[in-house]
Protein backbone atom coordinates (compact mmCIF):
# COMPACT_ATOMS: atom_id res chain seq x y z
CA UNK A 1 -42.78 2.30 -41.53
CA UNK A 2 -40.51 5.13 -39.49
CA UNK A 3 -44.18 7.60 -39.73
CA UNK A 4 -46.16 5.65 -38.08
CA UNK A 5 -43.60 5.27 -34.86
CA UNK A 6 -43.34 9.04 -35.32
CA UNK A 7 -46.87 9.16 -35.04
CA UNK A 8 -47.32 6.80 -32.10
CA UNK A 9 -44.25 8.51 -30.11
CA UNK A 10 -45.99 12.07 -30.53
CA UNK A 11 -49.44 10.31 -29.63
CA UNK A 12 -47.86 9.24 -26.40
CA UNK A 13 -46.29 12.73 -25.34
CA UNK A 14 -49.80 14.09 -25.90
CA UNK A 15 -51.54 11.74 -23.67
CA UNK A 16 -48.88 12.04 -20.75
CA UNK A 17 -49.11 16.16 -21.26
CA UNK A 18 -52.89 15.51 -21.04
CA UNK A 19 -53.21 13.08 -17.99
CA UNK A 20 -52.42 15.42 -15.18
CA UNK A 21 -54.85 18.35 -16.84
CA UNK A 22 -57.45 15.40 -16.74
CA UNK A 23 -56.87 14.15 -13.47
CA UNK A 24 -56.81 17.53 -12.28
CA UNK A 25 -60.06 18.37 -13.38
CA UNK A 26 -61.72 15.45 -11.72
CA UNK A 27 -60.07 16.13 -8.70
CA UNK A 28 -60.10 19.27 -6.43
CA UNK A 29 -56.91 19.58 -4.44
CA UNK A 30 -56.41 23.15 -3.30
CA UNK A 31 -53.38 24.59 -1.13
CA UNK A 32 -54.38 24.12 2.13
CA UNK A 33 -54.87 27.65 4.06
CA UNK A 34 -52.19 29.34 6.63
CA UNK A 35 -52.71 28.81 10.34
CA UNK A 36 -52.05 32.76 11.57
CA UNK A 37 -53.39 33.08 14.73
CA UNK A 38 -53.07 36.58 16.47
CA UNK A 39 -53.79 35.61 20.03
CA UNK A 40 -56.71 37.48 21.72
CA UNK A 41 -56.52 38.34 25.00
CA UNK A 42 -58.92 36.81 26.97
CA UNK A 43 -60.38 37.64 30.75
CA UNK A 44 -58.12 35.52 33.08
CA UNK A 45 -59.78 32.89 34.64
CA UNK A 46 -61.58 33.96 37.90
CA UNK A 47 -60.48 31.61 40.94
CA UNK A 48 -63.54 29.61 41.99
CA UNK A 49 -64.45 28.74 45.61
CA UNK A 50 -65.58 25.44 46.44
CA UNK A 51 -67.40 25.15 49.51
CA UNK A 52 -67.12 21.47 50.66
CA UNK A 53 -68.77 20.22 54.10
CA UNK A 54 -66.85 17.73 55.66
CA UNK A 55 -67.25 14.88 58.27
CA UNK A 56 -65.40 13.17 60.73
CA UNK A 57 -65.86 10.02 62.87
CA UNK A 58 -63.73 11.16 66.10
CA UNK A 59 -64.54 7.99 67.82
CA UNK A 60 -61.20 6.31 66.96
CA UNK A 61 -59.49 9.85 68.44
CA UNK A 62 -62.27 9.59 71.57
CA UNK A 63 -60.78 5.82 72.40
CA UNK A 64 -56.78 7.28 72.51
CA UNK A 65 -58.07 10.24 75.02
CA UNK A 66 -59.79 7.57 77.17
CA UNK A 67 -56.90 5.42 77.31
CA UNK A 68 -54.78 8.34 78.45
CA UNK A 69 -56.86 9.80 81.51
CA UNK A 70 -56.45 7.38 84.43
CA UNK A 71 -58.97 5.26 85.99
CA UNK A 72 -58.55 5.59 89.32
CA UNK A 73 -57.90 8.93 91.36
CA UNK A 74 -56.78 9.15 95.30
CA UNK A 75 -56.29 11.55 98.11
CA UNK A 76 -57.67 12.68 101.67
CA UNK A 77 -56.40 14.74 104.46
CA UNK A 78 -55.03 13.27 107.97
CA UNK A 79 -55.58 16.22 110.87
CA UNK A 80 -55.59 15.19 114.38
CA UNK A 81 -58.13 17.17 115.40
CA UNK A 82 -61.10 17.14 113.61
CA UNK A 83 -62.44 15.06 110.49
CA UNK A 84 -59.57 12.74 108.60
CA UNK A 85 -60.57 11.07 105.43
CA UNK A 86 -59.17 8.82 102.64
CA UNK A 87 -60.99 8.74 99.50
CA UNK A 88 -60.85 6.61 96.16
CA UNK A 89 -62.62 7.33 93.03
CA UNK A 90 -62.78 5.06 90.28
CA UNK A 91 -64.30 6.34 86.91
CA UNK A 92 -66.37 4.57 84.21
CA UNK A 93 -65.63 5.03 80.78
CA UNK A 94 -65.85 8.69 79.59
CA UNK A 95 -68.83 9.57 77.39
CA UNK A 96 -68.10 11.66 74.59
CA UNK A 97 -71.07 13.70 73.13
CA UNK A 98 -70.73 16.99 70.56
CA UNK A 99 -73.14 19.52 71.28
CA UNK A 100 -72.85 22.65 68.62
CA UNK A 101 -69.67 23.88 69.56
CA UNK A 102 -68.97 21.96 72.09
CA UNK A 103 -67.65 18.54 73.27
CA UNK A 104 -68.74 17.41 75.87
CA UNK A 105 -67.06 14.91 78.51
CA UNK A 106 -69.47 13.13 81.07
CA UNK A 107 -68.26 10.64 83.48
CA UNK A 108 -70.03 8.47 85.71
CA UNK A 109 -68.08 6.60 88.41
CA UNK A 110 -67.75 5.28 92.35
CA UNK A 111 -66.02 6.45 95.48
CA UNK A 112 -65.54 5.25 98.66
CA UNK A 113 -64.47 7.28 101.91
CA UNK A 114 -62.73 6.64 105.27
CA UNK A 115 -63.23 9.10 107.92
CA UNK A 116 -62.08 9.30 111.56
CA UNK A 117 -63.30 12.00 114.19
CA UNK A 118 -60.86 13.18 116.93
CA UNK A 119 -62.63 15.67 119.52
CA UNK A 120 -59.70 17.04 120.69
CA UNK A 121 -56.01 16.96 120.43
CA UNK A 122 -52.90 18.08 122.56
CA UNK A 123 -49.21 17.29 123.01
CA UNK A 124 -48.87 17.09 126.59
CA UNK A 125 -46.10 14.32 126.41
CA UNK A 126 -44.10 16.48 124.09
CA UNK A 127 -44.21 14.00 121.69
CA UNK A 128 -46.54 15.87 119.22
CA UNK A 129 -50.07 15.97 119.20
CA UNK A 130 -52.51 13.38 119.74
CA UNK A 131 -56.04 12.60 120.35
CA UNK A 132 -57.25 12.63 123.72
CA UNK A 133 -60.15 10.47 123.37
CA UNK A 134 -60.74 7.45 121.38
CA UNK A 135 -61.10 8.10 117.64
CA UNK A 136 -64.45 7.73 115.80
CA UNK A 137 -64.46 5.74 112.50
CA UNK A 138 -66.90 5.63 110.05
CA UNK A 139 -66.79 4.66 106.28
CA UNK A 140 -69.14 5.14 103.38
CA UNK A 141 -68.89 2.55 100.51
CA UNK A 142 -66.75 0.45 102.28
CA UNK A 143 -67.84 -3.00 102.90
CA UNK A 144 -71.28 -2.31 101.10
CA UNK A 145 -71.75 -0.95 97.50
CA UNK A 146 -69.73 2.26 96.32
CA UNK A 147 -71.18 5.63 96.21
CA UNK A 148 -72.22 7.25 93.10
CA UNK A 149 -70.82 10.13 91.49
CA UNK A 150 -70.87 12.21 88.11
CA UNK A 151 -68.07 14.10 86.61
CA UNK A 152 -68.37 16.09 83.67
CA UNK A 153 -65.89 18.46 81.38
CA UNK A 154 -66.70 20.25 77.84
CA UNK A 155 -63.83 21.28 74.97
CA UNK A 156 -64.04 23.72 72.69
CA UNK A 157 -62.04 22.27 69.19
CA UNK A 158 -60.24 24.35 66.46
CA UNK A 159 -57.76 23.32 63.62
CA UNK A 160 -53.99 25.21 63.77
CA UNK A 161 -52.94 26.84 60.68
CA UNK A 162 -50.75 23.46 59.98
CA UNK A 163 -54.05 21.49 60.69
CA UNK A 164 -53.46 20.12 64.35
CA UNK A 165 -56.48 19.93 66.71
CA UNK A 166 -56.21 22.49 69.61
CA UNK A 167 -58.82 22.51 72.46
CA UNK A 168 -59.11 23.87 75.58
CA UNK A 169 -61.18 21.88 77.82
CA UNK A 170 -62.59 23.32 81.03
CA UNK A 171 -63.93 21.35 84.14
CA UNK A 172 -67.84 21.82 84.64
CA UNK A 173 -69.04 20.18 87.30
CA UNK A 174 -68.49 17.04 89.96
CA UNK A 175 -71.65 15.59 91.71
CA UNK A 176 -72.16 13.24 94.47
CA UNK A 177 -75.22 11.43 93.11
CA UNK A 178 -75.40 9.41 96.33
CA UNK A 179 -74.09 11.27 99.46
CA UNK A 180 -71.74 10.75 102.01
CA UNK A 181 -73.40 11.37 105.74
CA UNK A 182 -72.10 10.26 108.78
CA UNK A 183 -74.90 10.60 111.82
CA UNK A 184 -72.26 9.39 114.10
CA UNK A 185 -70.51 12.52 114.04
CA UNK A 186 -73.47 14.57 112.87
CA UNK A 187 -71.33 15.23 109.50
CA UNK A 188 -71.46 15.37 105.71
CA UNK A 189 -68.39 14.50 104.11
CA UNK A 190 -70.22 15.37 100.44
CA UNK A 191 -69.40 19.04 99.74
CA UNK A 192 -65.66 18.06 101.20
CA UNK A 193 -65.53 14.93 99.09
CA UNK A 194 -66.65 16.77 96.17
CA UNK A 195 -63.92 19.64 96.39
CA UNK A 196 -61.36 17.45 96.83
CA UNK A 197 -62.01 15.36 93.82
CA UNK A 198 -62.63 18.43 91.68
CA UNK A 199 -58.85 19.48 92.54
CA UNK A 200 -57.93 16.31 91.44
CA UNK A 201 -59.53 15.82 88.16
CA UNK A 202 -59.03 19.82 87.23
CA UNK A 203 -55.66 18.17 86.51
CA UNK A 204 -56.93 16.14 83.36
CA UNK A 205 -58.30 19.00 81.74
CA UNK A 206 -54.49 19.41 81.00
CA UNK A 207 -54.44 15.54 79.70
CA UNK A 208 -57.37 15.75 77.58
CA UNK A 209 -56.22 19.06 75.84
CA UNK A 210 -52.61 17.23 75.29
CA UNK A 211 -54.14 14.52 74.20
CA UNK A 212 -56.58 15.88 71.54
CA UNK A 213 -53.71 18.45 70.68
CA UNK A 214 -51.42 15.45 69.28
CA UNK A 215 -54.39 14.56 66.28
CA UNK A 216 -52.70 15.60 62.99
CA UNK A 217 -54.97 16.16 60.30
CA UNK A 218 -52.34 16.99 58.06
CA UNK A 219 -51.78 13.41 56.91
CA UNK A 220 -55.20 13.07 56.14
CA UNK A 221 -55.21 16.31 54.61
CA UNK A 222 -51.85 15.79 52.49
CA UNK A 223 -53.21 12.43 51.09
CA UNK A 224 -56.47 14.35 50.05
CA UNK A 225 -55.03 17.26 48.75
CA UNK A 226 -52.66 15.31 46.40
CA UNK A 227 -55.53 13.30 45.07
CA UNK A 228 -56.76 16.89 44.57
CA UNK A 229 -54.25 17.76 42.15
CA UNK A 230 -54.50 14.45 39.80
CA UNK A 231 -56.68 14.74 37.09
CA UNK A 232 -60.61 12.79 37.00
CA UNK A 233 -60.84 11.20 33.65
CA UNK A 234 -64.30 11.96 32.64
CA UNK A 235 -64.78 8.82 30.77
CA UNK A 236 -64.73 10.47 26.81
CA UNK A 237 -64.89 14.02 27.81
CA UNK A 238 -60.98 14.39 28.63
CA UNK A 239 -59.63 14.96 32.33
CA UNK A 240 -60.49 17.46 34.84
CA UNK A 241 -57.74 19.27 36.42
CA UNK A 242 -59.35 20.44 39.78
CA UNK A 243 -55.85 21.59 41.63
CA UNK A 244 -56.83 23.86 44.32
CA UNK A 245 -54.64 26.64 45.02
CA UNK A 246 -55.88 27.48 48.99
CA UNK A 247 -58.07 25.87 51.67
CA UNK A 248 -59.87 27.23 54.60
CA UNK A 249 -62.06 25.85 57.48
CA UNK A 250 -64.65 27.09 59.23
CA UNK A 251 -65.58 26.62 62.69
CA UNK A 252 -65.95 22.97 64.26
CA UNK A 253 -69.24 22.10 65.01
CA UNK A 254 -70.26 18.44 66.63
CA UNK A 255 -73.21 16.26 67.20
CA UNK A 256 -72.68 13.11 68.70
CA UNK A 257 -69.32 11.57 67.97
CA UNK A 258 -69.02 13.23 64.62
CA UNK A 259 -67.25 17.01 63.62
CA UNK A 260 -68.55 19.07 60.93
CA UNK A 261 -67.21 21.41 59.22
CA UNK A 262 -66.67 23.38 55.98
CA UNK A 263 -63.74 23.30 53.87
CA UNK A 264 -63.25 26.09 51.07
CA UNK A 265 -61.17 25.45 48.10
CA UNK A 266 -60.22 28.07 46.19
CA UNK A 267 -58.89 26.82 42.38
CA UNK A 268 -59.08 27.45 38.40
CA UNK A 269 -60.32 23.98 37.60
CA UNK A 270 -59.32 22.58 33.92
CA UNK A 271 -60.60 20.35 31.43
CA UNK A 272 -58.11 19.07 28.70
CA UNK A 273 -59.60 16.27 26.07
CA UNK A 274 -56.04 14.47 26.58
CA UNK A 275 -54.42 13.85 29.72
CA UNK A 276 -51.25 16.06 30.25
CA UNK A 277 -48.51 16.86 32.49
CA UNK A 278 -48.85 19.75 35.46
CA UNK A 279 -46.99 20.66 38.20
CA UNK A 280 -48.19 19.62 41.59
CA UNK A 281 -48.90 22.05 44.57
CA UNK A 282 -47.84 21.93 47.51
CA UNK A 283 -50.51 21.73 50.56
CA UNK A 284 -50.88 25.28 51.78
CA UNK A 285 -51.45 26.33 55.51
CA UNK A 286 -54.90 27.28 56.06
CA UNK A 287 -56.35 30.49 55.07
CA UNK A 288 -58.99 32.56 56.70
CA UNK A 289 -62.28 31.47 56.65
CA UNK A 290 -65.00 33.25 54.49
CA UNK A 291 -68.34 31.11 54.09
CA UNK A 292 -69.50 30.29 50.95
CA UNK A 293 -72.62 28.54 49.58
CA UNK A 294 -72.03 24.99 47.72
CA UNK A 295 -69.77 26.05 44.71
CA UNK A 296 -69.49 28.50 42.23
CA UNK A 297 -66.95 27.12 39.76
CA UNK A 298 -65.54 28.78 36.67
CA UNK A 299 -63.78 26.09 34.54
CA UNK A 300 -61.77 26.32 31.21
CA UNK A 301 -62.13 23.61 28.68
CA UNK A 302 -59.03 22.86 26.10
CA UNK A 303 -60.70 20.61 23.70
CA UNK A 304 -58.56 19.71 20.89
CA UNK A 305 -60.64 19.93 17.21
CA UNK A 306 -60.43 16.07 16.94
CA UNK A 307 -64.15 16.45 18.82
CA UNK A 308 -65.60 19.19 16.69
CA UNK A 309 -64.33 17.56 13.84
CA UNK A 310 -66.27 14.68 14.81
CA UNK A 311 -69.26 16.47 15.55
CA UNK A 312 -69.38 18.02 12.27
CA UNK A 313 -68.78 14.87 10.21
CA UNK A 314 -71.80 13.49 12.16
CA UNK A 315 -73.89 16.44 11.00
CA UNK A 316 -73.07 16.50 7.42
CA UNK A 317 -71.50 13.39 6.07
CA UNK A 318 -73.79 11.86 3.51
CA UNK A 319 -75.65 15.14 2.52
CA UNK A 320 -75.82 15.54 -1.23
CA UNK A 321 -76.16 19.13 -3.07
CA UNK A 322 -77.48 19.01 -6.61
CA UNK A 323 -75.52 21.66 -8.99
CA UNK A 324 -77.09 22.86 -12.61
CA UNK A 325 -77.46 18.41 -12.48
CA UNK A 326 -74.19 17.58 -11.07
CA UNK A 327 -74.32 15.85 -7.49
CA UNK A 328 -71.63 15.98 -4.72
CA UNK A 329 -71.69 14.01 -1.61
CA UNK A 330 -69.86 15.68 1.64
CA UNK A 331 -68.19 13.30 3.47
CA UNK A 332 -65.36 13.93 6.76
CA UNK A 333 -65.31 17.31 8.15
CA UNK A 334 -61.86 18.06 10.30
CA UNK A 335 -61.28 21.46 11.71
CA UNK A 336 -57.94 22.41 10.27
CA UNK A 337 -56.96 25.02 12.27
CA UNK A 338 -57.41 28.53 13.42
CA UNK A 339 -56.84 32.03 11.42
CA UNK A 340 -57.02 34.94 14.04
CA UNK A 341 -60.64 34.82 15.72
CA UNK A 342 -61.92 32.13 12.71
CA UNK A 343 -61.32 28.35 12.07
CA UNK A 344 -60.42 26.55 9.05
CA UNK A 345 -62.66 23.67 7.92
CA UNK A 346 -61.40 21.15 5.70
CA UNK A 347 -64.68 19.39 3.70
CA UNK A 348 -63.77 16.50 1.71
CA UNK A 349 -66.48 15.29 -0.87
CA UNK A 350 -67.27 13.02 -3.84
CA UNK A 351 -69.88 12.77 -6.46
CA UNK A 352 -69.45 14.08 -10.15
CA UNK A 353 -66.21 15.84 -8.46
CA UNK A 354 -64.29 14.71 -5.59
CA UNK A 355 -61.52 16.20 -3.24
CA UNK A 356 -61.11 18.60 -0.51
CA UNK A 357 -62.96 22.27 0.02
CA UNK A 358 -60.97 24.51 2.37
CA UNK A 359 -63.63 27.30 4.00
CA UNK A 360 -62.97 29.67 6.86
CA UNK A 361 -65.54 31.33 9.04
CA UNK A 362 -65.62 33.04 12.62
CA UNK A 363 -67.40 31.04 15.38
CA UNK A 364 -69.86 33.43 16.82
CA UNK A 365 -71.53 31.77 20.55
CA UNK A 366 -75.10 32.80 21.44
CA UNK A 367 -74.65 32.82 25.14
CA UNK A 368 -78.37 33.18 25.82
CA UNK A 369 -79.61 30.27 24.04
CA UNK A 370 -76.08 27.90 24.26
CA UNK A 371 -75.80 28.08 20.48
CA UNK A 372 -72.81 28.16 18.25
CA UNK A 373 -72.67 28.89 14.21
CA UNK A 374 -70.59 30.42 12.06
CA UNK A 375 -72.78 32.97 9.89
CA UNK A 376 -69.71 34.26 7.47
CA UNK A 377 -68.55 30.90 6.49
CA UNK A 378 -66.91 31.05 3.13
CA UNK A 379 -64.51 29.30 0.86
CA UNK A 380 -60.76 30.09 1.71
CA UNK A 381 -58.61 32.38 -0.40
CA UNK A 382 -56.54 29.77 -2.10
CA UNK A 383 -59.32 26.92 -2.50
CA UNK A 384 -61.80 30.09 -4.33
CA UNK A 385 -58.66 30.31 -6.71
CA UNK A 386 -58.31 26.58 -7.43
CA UNK A 387 -62.25 26.48 -8.08
CA UNK A 388 -62.21 29.61 -10.54
CA UNK A 389 -59.42 27.75 -12.31
CA UNK A 390 -60.55 24.15 -12.43
CA UNK A 391 -64.43 24.01 -11.56
CA UNK A 392 -66.32 27.11 -11.57
CA UNK A 393 -69.90 25.10 -10.98
CA UNK A 394 -68.23 24.26 -7.30
CA UNK A 395 -68.27 27.85 -6.58
CA UNK A 396 -71.59 28.00 -5.31
CA UNK A 397 -73.45 29.32 -2.36
CA UNK A 398 -75.53 26.02 -1.91
CA UNK A 399 -72.37 24.48 -0.72
CA UNK A 400 -71.13 27.38 1.92
CA UNK A 401 -75.08 27.24 2.89
CA UNK A 402 -75.24 23.48 3.94
CA UNK A 403 -71.91 23.58 5.48
CA UNK A 404 -72.87 26.70 7.52
CA UNK A 405 -76.27 24.61 8.70
CA UNK A 406 -74.60 21.76 9.50
CA UNK A 407 -72.14 23.96 11.42
CA UNK A 408 -74.48 25.54 13.54
CA UNK A 409 -75.25 23.85 16.70
CA UNK A 410 -77.40 23.69 20.03
CA UNK A 411 -74.33 23.02 22.62
CA UNK A 412 -77.44 22.39 25.27
CA UNK A 413 -77.57 18.44 24.73
CA UNK A 414 -73.62 18.31 25.07
CA UNK A 415 -73.99 20.50 28.03
CA UNK A 416 -76.44 18.15 29.68
CA UNK A 417 -74.11 14.86 28.69
CA UNK A 418 -71.30 17.09 30.10
CA UNK A 419 -73.12 17.58 33.03
CA UNK A 420 -74.10 13.82 33.42
CA UNK A 421 -70.41 12.98 33.54
CA UNK A 422 -69.19 15.34 35.73
CA UNK A 423 -71.94 14.23 38.48
CA UNK A 424 -70.74 10.74 37.91
CA UNK A 425 -67.02 11.75 38.45
CA UNK A 426 -68.31 13.88 41.62
CA UNK A 427 -69.37 10.84 43.42
CA UNK A 428 -66.55 8.39 44.30
CA UNK A 429 -64.10 6.88 46.85
CA UNK A 430 -61.06 8.97 46.71
CA UNK A 431 -59.16 7.06 48.92
CA UNK A 432 -59.79 4.25 51.37
CA UNK A 433 -62.04 6.15 53.89
CA UNK A 434 -62.34 9.12 51.94
CA UNK A 435 -65.82 9.85 50.29
CA UNK A 436 -66.26 12.66 47.71
CA UNK A 437 -70.11 13.29 47.20
CA UNK A 438 -71.96 15.83 44.86
CA UNK A 439 -74.13 16.91 42.22
CA UNK A 440 -73.71 20.11 39.51
CA UNK A 441 -77.13 21.82 39.65
CA UNK A 442 -76.51 24.49 36.40
CA UNK A 443 -74.04 24.35 33.74
CA UNK A 444 -73.22 26.97 30.97
CA UNK A 445 -70.73 28.13 28.59
CA UNK A 446 -69.67 31.85 28.95
CA UNK A 447 -67.08 32.07 26.75
CA UNK A 448 -65.76 30.34 23.24
CA UNK A 449 -62.46 30.98 21.41
CA UNK A 450 -60.74 29.50 19.04
CA UNK A 451 -56.29 28.55 19.34
CA UNK A 452 -54.26 27.05 16.99
CA UNK A 453 -54.85 23.57 17.87
CA UNK A 454 -57.55 23.58 19.95
CA UNK A 455 -60.58 25.23 21.01
CA UNK A 456 -60.90 27.14 24.78
CA UNK A 457 -64.29 27.06 26.33
CA UNK A 458 -65.01 28.30 29.52
CA UNK A 459 -67.86 26.85 31.58
CA UNK A 460 -69.70 28.21 34.59
CA UNK A 461 -71.44 25.59 37.06
CA UNK A 462 -73.23 26.14 40.16
CA UNK A 463 -73.65 22.88 42.58
CA UNK A 464 -72.52 20.97 45.87
CA UNK A 465 -69.86 18.77 46.71
CA UNK A 466 -69.19 16.95 50.52
CA UNK A 467 -66.61 14.91 51.55
CA UNK A 468 -66.59 12.01 54.41
CA UNK A 469 -63.55 11.03 56.44
């Protein structure tokens, strides 16, 4: 009886000793590779120039200018001898019209004129000069429809370094459309009246400039600038951070009641796969304008390895490999991390054996064909050791070839999808009354570089962008 008990005891100990060996033979779990990154020196991202044509409706500002300019002008000259006169000029609403680099102000008005004429004055009584003969009185536009007159100004408008409008207004002309000719004493008052009105209306130049210079674009620019500092959600492709650092503006051109000018933004745009906190840049003063065409953007994308892992998994999951009558089925692939300029791939598998394999390979990017591959992809050192000890039959070129083929990708379809997403994000209302519209013409990858926990991709794109305020 005692011998049987000892026999059972030894058998149990033998099974306990054997179980880990049996288990280790059925499941491959090599040690994970070390993640060691010696960061390579990558050319600094160039500053991208983004030309944004901007349209501003000036009608609200014209209304304020209209309110500030007097609607009635009076004047005259009283003489003892000769012609004396009093005039009144009433203007109609100012008509504003942009024409090239100038803003034209046209004013229709009406006037009335009272005149009197003394042939000869004398100071016979020592009480001051007086008319020796009865004065002759006449008028234009009094007791009858007032006479018509046309006045015009022109203004050149610019923007100061601190986003305030600045202007230089010049009186252009005044023209009495219906002249005032007094036949009773053969006098044409038109020229005199035009000179008087000109003197009075030239003072309005300062009123117009004062009103225009009070227009401050900074609040609108500041609000737009703050919006451009915020990330744009690319709907599954991460978050675009434009974050411009500099801005310049071209000369303003006018058409009708709309001002047109180009703004050049300088920025180093970046896309991150998740939203991060970045410091906001203050609105700088305007820089000297240098013309550009559309936008020419070099953009850095920092993508976590999750997205690449998902793509690789889609390419290989379910793939079967026959090895000497045995079969393994690939499962999920995870980009485990980087080793210098290479990356580690963690591959789960099932079949006659199940477990995990680690492979290491250097991504090779073909910029001409926009294609990425891992031609040197092979088992990691620790995985090799584990396979040689427990499952030599898995140490097979067919496995590395299958994974290498699945990891080889044409990136053009992904760029096309990114292009579509970016185009959608460029056509939005940034804020109430501030609209951005644009499109990307070309987009391509210039550089791919693995980092410890993310992939650095540098993308170049060409397109156009426009803003309406």
